[in-house]
Amino acid sequence: METQDIELLFFTSKTCGVCKVLKPKLLEAVQENFSKVNIRVVYVEEEVEFTGQSMVFTLPVVIIKQGDKEMYRFARSFSVYEILEKLKRLSQL
């Protein structure tokens, strides 16, 4: 599979302090290193049904999907580096 099949979902809310700090750093790093990865920012207040279907109960949450399959999930406490490492691994498959 190619990197354009990879989607990164970033679940956030307008009141999440950690999300506000993490989001710009993460999105910039992913765009710089993996320009073909599709990034979708999901505001849980606006997409309640999708958030529930995705089994997201805490914030922030990052889900990395390849095709329609969830490959990795990061919740609450994680680093930008960890996400970049998983994307690198997926893009090498």
PDB file of N, CA and C in Angstrom:
ATOM      1  N   MET A   1       0.838  -1.200   0.000  1.00  0.00           N
ATOM      2  CA  MET A   1       0.000   0.000   0.000  1.00  0.00           C
ATOM      3  C   MET A   1       0.870   1.246   0.000  1.00  0.00           C
ATOM      4  N   GLU A   2       0.317   2.285  -0.563  1.00  0.00           N
ATOM      5  CA  GLU A   2       1.069   3.526  -0.626  1.00  0.00           C
ATOM      6  C   GLU A   2       0.608   4.481   0.462  1.00  0.00           C
ATOM      7  N   THR A   3       1.403   5.524   0.696  1.00  0.00           N
ATOM      8  CA  THR A   3       1.074   6.443   1.791  1.00  0.00           C
ATOM      9  C   THR A   3      -0.220   7.201   1.552  1.00  0.00           C
ATOM     10  N   GLN A   4      -0.685   7.331   0.298  1.00  0.00           N
ATOM     11  CA  GLN A   4      -1.945   8.052   0.116  1.00  0.00           C
ATOM     12  C   GLN A   4      -3.132   7.232   0.617  1.00  0.00           C
ATOM     13  N   ASP A   5      -2.932   5.929   0.893  1.00  0.00           N
ATOM     14  CA  ASP A   5      -3.981   5.103   1.482  1.00  0.00           C
ATOM     15  C   ASP A   5      -4.050   5.287   2.991  1.00  0.00           C
ATOM     16  N   ILE A   6      -3.131   6.060   3.540  1.00  0.00           N
ATOM     17  CA  ILE A   6      -3.053   6.235   4.992  1.00  0.00           C
ATOM     18  C   ILE A   6      -3.805   7.501   5.398  1.00  0.00           C
ATOM     19  N   GLU A   7      -4.643   7.353   6.428  1.00  0.00           N
ATOM     20  CA  GLU A   7      -5.401   8.489   6.945  1.00  0.00           C
ATOM     21  C   GLU A   7      -5.090   8.641   8.427  1.00  0.00           C
ATOM     22  N   LEU A   8      -4.869   9.883   8.839  1.00  0.00           N
ATOM     23  CA  LEU A   8      -4.634  10.186  10.244  1.00  0.00           C
ATOM     24  C   LEU A   8      -5.844  10.963  10.747  1.00  0.00           C
ATOM     25  N   LEU A   9      -6.504  10.422  11.752  1.00  0.00           N
ATOM     26  CA  LEU A   9      -7.654  11.084  12.368  1.00  0.00           C
ATOM     27  C   LEU A   9      -7.203  11.670  13.700  1.00  0.00           C
ATOM     28  N   PHE A  10      -7.404  12.958  13.865  1.00  0.00           N
ATOM     29  CA  PHE A  10      -7.044  13.636  15.114  1.00  0.00           C
ATOM     30  C   PHE A  10      -8.337  14.078  15.792  1.00  0.00           C
ATOM     31  N   PHE A  11      -8.697  13.409  16.885  1.00  0.00           N
ATOM     32  CA  PHE A  11      -9.916  13.747  17.623  1.00  0.00           C
ATOM     33  C   PHE A  11      -9.576  14.796  18.674  1.00  0.00           C
ATOM     34  N   THR A  12     -10.335  15.883  18.671  1.00  0.00           N
ATOM     35  CA  THR A  12     -10.059  17.001  19.556  1.00  0.00           C
ATOM     36  C   THR A  12     -11.370  17.670  19.963  1.00  0.00           C
ATOM     37  N   SER A  13     -11.275  18.640  20.846  1.00  0.00           N
ATOM     38  CA  SER A  13     -12.432  19.476  21.178  1.00  0.00           C
ATOM     39  C   SER A  13     -11.924  20.893  21.404  1.00  0.00           C
ATOM     40  N   LYS A  14     -12.836  21.802  21.354  1.00  0.00           N
ATOM     41  CA  LYS A  14     -12.459  23.213  21.510  1.00  0.00           C
ATOM     42  C   LYS A  14     -11.970  23.525  22.915  1.00  0.00           C
ATOM     43  N   THR A  15     -12.273  22.646  23.882  1.00  0.00           N
ATOM     44  CA  THR A  15     -11.898  22.909  25.274  1.00  0.00           C
ATOM     45  C   THR A  15     -10.712  22.073  25.754  1.00  0.00           C
ATOM     46  N   CYS A  16     -10.113  21.294  24.863  1.00  0.00           N
ATOM     47  CA  CYS A  16      -8.999  20.412  25.246  1.00  0.00           C
ATOM     48  C   CYS A  16      -7.681  21.183  25.182  1.00  0.00           C
ATOM     49  N   GLY A  17      -7.108  21.456  26.340  1.00  0.00           N
ATOM     50  CA  GLY A  17      -5.856  22.205  26.401  1.00  0.00           C
ATOM     51  C   GLY A  17      -4.678  21.471  25.781  1.00  0.00           C
ATOM     52  N   VAL A  18      -4.569  20.186  26.069  1.00  0.00           N
ATOM     53  CA  VAL A  18      -3.482  19.377  25.507  1.00  0.00           C
ATOM     54  C   VAL A  18      -3.580  19.371  23.981  1.00  0.00           C
ATOM     55  N   CYS A  19      -4.811  19.247  23.476  1.00  0.00           N
ATOM     56  CA  CYS A  19      -5.035  19.217  22.021  1.00  0.00           C
ATOM     57  C   CYS A  19      -4.540  20.505  21.367  1.00  0.00           C
ATOM     58  N   LYS A  20      -4.796  21.622  22.016  1.00  0.00           N
ATOM     59  CA  LYS A  20      -4.410  22.921  21.441  1.00  0.00           C
ATOM     60  C   LYS A  20      -2.896  23.045  21.288  1.00  0.00           C
ATOM     61  N   VAL A  21      -2.156  22.431  22.198  1.00  0.00           N
ATOM     62  CA  VAL A  21      -0.693  22.459  22.130  1.00  0.00           C
ATOM     63  C   VAL A  21      -0.191  21.434  21.111  1.00  0.00           C
ATOM     64  N   LEU A  22      -0.777  20.248  21.141  1.00  0.00           N
ATOM     65  CA  LEU A  22      -0.306  19.138  20.311  1.00  0.00           C
ATOM     66  C   LEU A  22      -0.679  19.288  18.834  1.00  0.00           C
ATOM     67  N   LYS A  23      -1.886  19.752  18.567  1.00  0.00           N
ATOM     68  CA  LYS A  23      -2.406  19.754  17.190  1.00  0.00           C
ATOM     69  C   LYS A  23      -1.498  20.452  16.180  1.00  0.00           C
ATOM     70  N   PRO A  24      -1.082  21.701  16.397  1.00  0.00           N
ATOM     71  CA  PRO A  24      -0.248  22.348  15.374  1.00  0.00           C
ATOM     72  C   PRO A  24       1.092  21.641  15.170  1.00  0.00           C
ATOM     73  N   LYS A  25       1.702  21.157  16.257  1.00  0.00           N
ATOM     74  CA  LYS A  25       2.988  20.461  16.151  1.00  0.00           C
ATOM     75  C   LYS A  25       2.829  19.175  15.353  1.00  0.00           C
ATOM     76  N   LEU A  26       1.798  18.416  15.681  1.00  0.00           N
ATOM     77  CA  LEU A  26       1.579  17.134  15.028  1.00  0.00           C
ATOM     78  C   LEU A  26       1.243  17.317  13.544  1.00  0.00           C
ATOM     79  N   LEU A  27       0.312  18.198  13.243  1.00  0.00           N
ATOM     80  CA  LEU A  27      -0.110  18.385  11.857  1.00  0.00           C
ATOM     81  C   LEU A  27       1.049  18.883  10.996  1.00  0.00           C
ATOM     82  N   GLU A  28       1.838  19.788  11.530  1.00  0.00           N
ATOM     83  CA  GLU A  28       2.992  20.302  10.787  1.00  0.00           C
ATOM     84  C   GLU A  28       4.009  19.187  10.531  1.00  0.00           C
ATOM     85  N   ALA A  29       4.302  18.393  11.553  1.00  0.00           N
ATOM     86  CA  ALA A  29       5.285  17.313  11.414  1.00  0.00           C
ATOM     87  C   ALA A  29       4.819  16.269  10.403  1.00  0.00           C
ATOM     88  N   VAL A  30       3.547  15.917  10.437  1.00  0.00           N
ATOM     89  CA  VAL A  30       3.021  14.912   9.498  1.00  0.00           C
ATOM     90  C   VAL A  30       3.062  15.460   8.075  1.00  0.00           C
ATOM     91  N   GLN A  31       2.638  16.708   7.892  1.00  0.00           N
ATOM     92  CA  GLN A  31       2.640  17.298   6.549  1.00  0.00           C
ATOM     93  C   GLN A  31       4.053  17.413   5.996  1.00  0.00           C
ATOM     94  N   GLU A  32       5.011  17.746   6.843  1.00  0.00           N
ATOM     95  CA  GLU A  32       6.408  17.871   6.420  1.00  0.00           C
ATOM     96  C   GLU A  32       7.010  16.532   6.003  1.00  0.00           C
ATOM     97  N   ASN A  33       6.731  15.488   6.784  1.00  0.00           N
ATOM     98  CA  ASN A  33       7.375  14.196   6.586  1.00  0.00           C
ATOM     99  C   ASN A  33       6.582  13.207   5.739  1.00  0.00           C
ATOM    100  N   PHE A  34       5.262  13.356   5.735  1.00  0.00           N
ATOM    101  CA  PHE A  34       4.400  12.409   5.022  1.00  0.00           C
ATOM    102  C   PHE A  34       3.304  13.197   4.299  1.00  0.00           C
ATOM    103  N   SER A  35       3.690  13.904   3.259  1.00  0.00           N
ATOM    104  CA  SER A  35       2.773  14.818   2.581  1.00  0.00           C
ATOM    105  C   SER A  35       1.568  14.122   1.947  1.00  0.00           C
ATOM    106  N   LYS A  36       1.664  12.826   1.690  1.00  0.00           N
ATOM    107  CA  LYS A  36       0.552  12.113   1.047  1.00  0.00           C
ATOM    108  C   LYS A  36      -0.448  11.532   2.047  1.00  0.00           C
ATOM    109  N   VAL A  37      -0.161  11.627   3.335  1.00  0.00           N
ATOM    110  CA  VAL A  37      -1.090  11.126   4.344  1.00  0.00           C
ATOM    111  C   VAL A  37      -2.276  12.084   4.431  1.00  0.00           C
ATOM    112  N   ASN A  38      -3.474  11.525   4.381  1.00  0.00           N
ATOM    113  CA  ASN A  38      -4.686  12.342   4.534  1.00  0.00           C
ATOM    114  C   ASN A  38      -4.908  12.609   6.015  1.00  0.00           C
ATOM    115  N   ILE A  39      -5.068  13.886   6.355  1.00  0.00           N
ATOM    116  CA  ILE A  39      -5.275  14.273   7.755  1.00  0.00           C
ATOM    117  C   ILE A  39      -6.714  14.755   7.909  1.00  0.00           C
ATOM    118  N   ARG A  40      -7.395  14.223   8.914  1.00  0.00           N
ATOM    119  CA  ARG A  40      -8.753  14.673   9.214  1.00  0.00           C
ATOM    120  C   ARG A  40      -8.817  15.055  10.687  1.00  0.00           C
ATOM    121  N   VAL A  41      -9.165  16.306  10.955  1.00  0.00           N
ATOM    122  CA  VAL A  41      -9.338  16.769  12.326  1.00  0.00           C
ATOM    123  C   VAL A  41     -10.814  16.630  12.658  1.00  0.00           C
ATOM    124  N   VAL A  42     -11.110  15.886  13.719  1.00  0.00           N
ATOM    125  CA  VAL A  42     -12.482  15.615  14.121  1.00  0.00           C
ATOM    126  C   VAL A  42     -12.763  16.353  15.429  1.00  0.00           C
ATOM    127  N   TYR A  43     -13.676  17.328  15.366  1.00  0.00           N
ATOM    128  CA  TYR A  43     -14.112  18.011  16.587  1.00  0.00           C
ATOM    129  C   TYR A  43     -15.268  17.212  17.176  1.00  0.00           C
ATOM    130  N   VAL A  44     -15.043  16.644  18.366  1.00  0.00           N
ATOM    131  CA  VAL A  44     -16.003  15.704  18.933  1.00  0.00           C
ATOM    132  C   VAL A  44     -17.381  16.332  19.172  1.00  0.00           C
ATOM    133  N   GLU A  45     -17.426  17.639  19.438  1.00  0.00           N
ATOM    134  CA  GLU A  45     -18.717  18.294  19.657  1.00  0.00           C
ATOM    135  C   GLU A  45     -19.548  18.327  18.371  1.00  0.00           C
ATOM    136  N   GLU A  46     -18.866  18.402  17.242  1.00  0.00           N
ATOM    137  CA  GLU A  46     -19.548  18.535  15.958  1.00  0.00           C
ATOM    138  C   GLU A  46     -19.825  17.187  15.294  1.00  0.00           C
ATOM    139  N   GLU A  47     -19.030  16.180  15.624  1.00  0.00           N
ATOM    140  CA  GLU A  47     -19.181  14.864  14.992  1.00  0.00           C
ATOM    141  C   GLU A  47     -19.372  13.792  16.068  1.00  0.00           C
ATOM    142  N   VAL A  48     -20.448  13.958  16.834  1.00  0.00           N
ATOM    143  CA  VAL A  48     -20.713  13.086  17.981  1.00  0.00           C
ATOM    144  C   VAL A  48     -20.886  11.632  17.547  1.00  0.00           C
ATOM    145  N   GLU A  49     -21.661  11.406  16.502  1.00  0.00           N
ATOM    146  CA  GLU A  49     -21.934  10.038  16.059  1.00  0.00           C
ATOM    147  C   GLU A  49     -20.656   9.346  15.573  1.00  0.00           C
ATOM    148  N   PHE A  50     -19.872  10.039  14.751  1.00  0.00           N
ATOM    149  CA  PHE A  50     -18.620   9.470  14.237  1.00  0.00           C
ATOM    150  C   PHE A  50     -17.651   9.196  15.386  1.00  0.00           C
ATOM    151  N   THR A  51     -17.604  10.099  16.363  1.00  0.00           N
ATOM    152  CA  THR A  51     -16.733   9.917  17.527  1.00  0.00           C
ATOM    153  C   THR A  51     -17.116   8.642  18.278  1.00  0.00           C
ATOM    154  N   GLY A  52     -18.408   8.435  18.476  1.00  0.00           N
ATOM    155  CA  GLY A  52     -18.886   7.229  19.147  1.00  0.00           C
ATOM    156  C   GLY A  52     -18.572   5.974  18.355  1.00  0.00           C
ATOM    157  N   GLN A  53     -18.800   6.029  17.047  1.00  0.00           N
ATOM    158  CA  GLN A  53     -18.511   4.883  16.182  1.00  0.00           C
ATOM    159  C   GLN A  53     -17.018   4.542  16.216  1.00  0.00           C
ATOM    160  N   SER A  54     -16.199   5.565  16.422  1.00  0.00           N
ATOM    161  CA  SER A  54     -14.747   5.366  16.462  1.00  0.00           C
ATOM    162  C   SER A  54     -14.259   4.957  17.846  1.00  0.00           C
ATOM    163  N   MET A  55     -15.194   4.811  18.805  1.00  0.00           N
ATOM    164  CA  MET A  55     -14.861   4.389  20.171  1.00  0.00           C
ATOM    165  C   MET A  55     -13.867   5.338  20.836  1.00  0.00           C
ATOM    166  N   VAL A  56     -14.104   6.621  20.684  1.00  0.00           N
ATOM    167  CA  VAL A  56     -13.247   7.642  21.292  1.00  0.00           C
ATOM    168  C   VAL A  56     -13.931   8.152  22.556  1.00  0.00           C
ATOM    169  N   PHE A  57     -13.280   7.957  23.702  1.00  0.00           N
ATOM    170  CA  PHE A  57     -13.859   8.334  24.988  1.00  0.00           C
ATOM    171  C   PHE A  57     -12.986   9.275  25.795  1.00  0.00           C
ATOM    172  N   THR A  58     -11.838   9.631  25.268  1.00  0.00           N
ATOM    173  CA  THR A  58     -10.923  10.550  25.939  1.00  0.00           C
ATOM    174  C   THR A  58     -10.266  11.411  24.860  1.00  0.00           C
ATOM    175  N   LEU A  59      -9.572  12.439  25.258  1.00  0.00           N
ATOM    176  CA  LEU A  59      -8.904  13.305  24.280  1.00  0.00           C
ATOM    177  C   LEU A  59      -7.501  13.641  24.761  1.00  0.00           C
ATOM    178  N   PRO A  60      -6.592  13.932  23.867  1.00  0.00           N
ATOM    179  CA  PRO A  60      -6.704  13.749  22.419  1.00  0.00           C
ATOM    180  C   PRO A  60      -6.559  12.282  22.032  1.00  0.00           C
ATOM    181  N   VAL A  61      -7.071  11.954  20.849  1.00  0.00           N
ATOM    182  CA  VAL A  61      -6.919  10.624  20.282  1.00  0.00           C
ATOM    183  C   VAL A  61      -6.470  10.778  18.833  1.00  0.00           C
ATOM    184  N   VAL A  62      -5.481   9.979  18.453  1.00  0.00           N
ATOM    185  CA  VAL A  62      -5.053   9.911  17.054  1.00  0.00           C
ATOM    186  C   VAL A  62      -5.222   8.466  16.605  1.00  0.00           C
ATOM    187  N   ILE A  63      -5.920   8.299  15.491  1.00  0.00           N
ATOM    188  CA  ILE A  63      -6.088   6.978  14.890  1.00  0.00           C
ATOM    189  C   ILE A  63      -5.437   7.019  13.514  1.00  0.00           C
ATOM    190  N   ILE A  64      -4.600   6.039  13.252  1.00  0.00           N
ATOM    191  CA  ILE A  64      -3.978   5.925  11.929  1.00  0.00           C
ATOM    192  C   ILE A  64      -4.624   4.737  11.230  1.00  0.00           C
ATOM    193  N   LYS A  65      -5.218   5.020  10.079  1.00  0.00           N
ATOM    194  CA  LYS A  65      -5.883   3.975   9.314  1.00  0.00           C
ATOM    195  C   LYS A  65      -5.168   3.772   7.988  1.00  0.00           C
ATOM    196  N   GLN A  66      -5.176   2.531   7.526  1.00  0.00           N
ATOM    197  CA  GLN A  66      -4.667   2.233   6.195  1.00  0.00           C
ATOM    198  C   GLN A  66      -5.791   1.508   5.479  1.00  0.00           C
ATOM    199  N   GLY A  67      -6.247   2.098   4.362  1.00  0.00           N
ATOM    200  CA  GLY A  67      -7.465   1.608   3.755  1.00  0.00           C
ATOM    201  C   GLY A  67      -8.581   1.872   4.744  1.00  0.00           C
ATOM    202  N   ASP A  68      -9.376   0.866   5.062  1.00  0.00           N
ATOM    203  CA  ASP A  68     -10.443   1.036   6.057  1.00  0.00           C
ATOM    204  C   ASP A  68     -10.077   0.412   7.393  1.00  0.00           C
ATOM    205  N   LYS A  69      -8.840  -0.025   7.526  1.00  0.00           N
ATOM    206  CA  LYS A  69      -8.428  -0.750   8.722  1.00  0.00           C
ATOM    207  C   LYS A  69      -7.650   0.147   9.682  1.00  0.00           C
ATOM    208  N   GLU A  70      -8.062   0.122  10.958  1.00  0.00           N
ATOM    209  CA  GLU A  70      -7.316   0.863  11.976  1.00  0.00           C
ATOM    210  C   GLU A  70      -6.008   0.132  12.262  1.00  0.00           C
ATOM    211  N   MET A  71      -4.894   0.854  12.091  1.00  0.00           N
ATOM    212  CA  MET A  71      -3.588   0.250  12.298  1.00  0.00           C
ATOM    213  C   MET A  71      -3.010   0.601  13.669  1.00  0.00           C
ATOM    214  N   TYR A  72      -3.169   1.867  14.071  1.00  0.00           N
ATOM    215  CA  TYR A  72      -2.623   2.328  15.351  1.00  0.00           C
ATOM    216  C   TYR A  72      -3.595   3.312  15.990  1.00  0.00           C
ATOM    217  N   ARG A  73      -3.597   3.328  17.321  1.00  0.00           N
ATOM    218  CA  ARG A  73      -4.412   4.279  18.080  1.00  0.00           C
ATOM    219  C   ARG A  73      -3.566   4.821  19.225  1.00  0.00           C
ATOM    220  N   PHE A  74      -3.588   6.131  19.359  1.00  0.00           N
ATOM    221  CA  PHE A  74      -2.878   6.809  20.452  1.00  0.00           C
ATOM    222  C   PHE A  74      -3.925   7.591  21.237  1.00  0.00           C
ATOM    223  N   ALA A  75      -3.906   7.461  22.553  1.00  0.00           N
ATOM    224  CA  ALA A  75      -4.890   8.164  23.372  1.00  0.00           C
ATOM    225  C   ALA A  75      -4.221   8.861  24.549  1.00  0.00           C
ATOM    226  N   ARG A  76      -4.686  10.059  24.818  1.00  0.00           N
ATOM    227  CA  ARG A  76      -4.313  10.877  25.968  1.00  0.00           C
ATOM    228  C   ARG A  76      -2.845  11.280  26.027  1.00  0.00           C
ATOM    229  N   SER A  77      -1.945  10.347  26.246  1.00  0.00           N
ATOM    230  CA  SER A  77      -0.540  10.698  26.460  1.00  0.00           C
ATOM    231  C   SER A  77       0.355  10.024  25.414  1.00  0.00           C
ATOM    232  N   PHE A  78       0.829  10.813  24.447  1.00  0.00           N
ATOM    233  CA  PHE A  78       1.695  10.289  23.399  1.00  0.00           C
ATOM    234  C   PHE A  78       2.484  11.447  22.809  1.00  0.00           C
ATOM    235  N   SER A  79       3.506  11.110  22.041  1.00  0.00           N
ATOM    236  CA  SER A  79       4.347  12.164  21.466  1.00  0.00           C
ATOM    237  C   SER A  79       4.205  12.194  19.947  1.00  0.00           C
ATOM    238  N   VAL A  80       4.554  13.327  19.374  1.00  0.00           N
ATOM    239  CA  VAL A  80       4.572  13.482  17.924  1.00  0.00           C
ATOM    240  C   VAL A  80       5.531  12.450  17.332  1.00  0.00           C
ATOM    241  N   TYR A  81       6.652  12.232  17.997  1.00  0.00           N
ATOM    242  CA  TYR A  81       7.661  11.284  17.525  1.00  0.00           C
ATOM    243  C   TYR A  81       7.078   9.873  17.371  1.00  0.00           C
ATOM    244  N   GLU A  82       6.283   9.439  18.353  1.00  0.00           N
ATOM    245  CA  GLU A  82       5.684   8.101  18.290  1.00  0.00           C
ATOM    246  C   GLU A  82       4.810   7.952  17.043  1.00  0.00           C
ATOM    247  N   ILE A  83       4.040   8.975  16.745  1.00  0.00           N
ATOM    248  CA  ILE A  83       3.148   8.930  15.586  1.00  0.00           C
ATOM    249  C   ILE A  83       3.956   8.913  14.291  1.00  0.00           C
ATOM    250  N   LEU A  84       4.989   9.738  14.220  1.00  0.00           N
ATOM    251  CA  LEU A  84       5.837   9.755  13.021  1.00  0.00           C
ATOM    252  C   LEU A  84       6.507   8.397  12.799  1.00  0.00           C
ATOM    253  N   GLU A  85       6.921   7.738  13.883  1.00  0.00           N
ATOM    254  CA  GLU A  85       7.533   6.409  13.770  1.00  0.00           C
ATOM    255  C   GLU A  85       6.559   5.396  13.179  1.00  0.00           C
ATOM    256  N   LYS A  86       5.314   5.425  13.622  1.00  0.00           N
ATOM    257  CA  LYS A  86       4.315   4.479  13.104  1.00  0.00           C
ATOM    258  C   LYS A  86       3.998   4.787  11.640  1.00  0.00           C
ATOM    259  N   LEU A  87       3.921   6.052  11.291  1.00  0.00           N
ATOM    260  CA  LEU A  87       3.670   6.422   9.892  1.00  0.00           C
ATOM    261  C   LEU A  87       4.825   5.969   9.015  1.00  0.00           C
ATOM    262  N   LYS A  88       6.037   6.119   9.516  1.00  0.00           N
ATOM    263  CA  LYS A  88       7.226   5.684   8.774  1.00  0.00           C
ATOM    264  C   LYS A  88       7.164   4.173   8.534  1.00  0.00           C
ATOM    265  N   ARG A  89       6.810   3.441   9.562  1.00  0.00           N
ATOM    266  CA  ARG A  89       6.712   1.989   9.459  1.00  0.00           C
ATOM    267  C   ARG A  89       5.651   1.597   8.414  1.00  0.00           C
ATOM    268  N   LEU A  90       4.502   2.239   8.460  1.00  0.00           N
ATOM    269  CA  LEU A  90       3.429   1.930   7.510  1.00  0.00           C
ATOM    270  C   LEU A  90       3.821   2.270   6.068  1.00  0.00           C
ATOM    271  N   SER A  91       4.495   3.373   5.904  1.00  0.00           N
ATOM    272  CA  SER A  91       4.837   3.812   4.549  1.00  0.00           C
ATOM    273  C   SER A  91       5.934   2.943   3.933  1.00  0.00           C
ATOM    274  N   GLN A  92       6.622   2.153   4.757  1.00  0.00           N
ATOM    275  CA  GLN A  92       7.657   1.262   4.246  1.00  0.00           C
ATOM    276  C   GLN A  92       7.126  -0.112   3.867  1.00  0.00           C
ATOM    277  N   LEU A  93       5.882  -0.397   4.212  1.00  0.00           N
ATOM    278  CA  LEU A  93       5.299  -1.719   3.912  1.00  0.00           C
ATOM    279  C   LEU A  93       5.067  -1.883   2.428  1.00  0.00           C
TER     280      LEU A  93
END
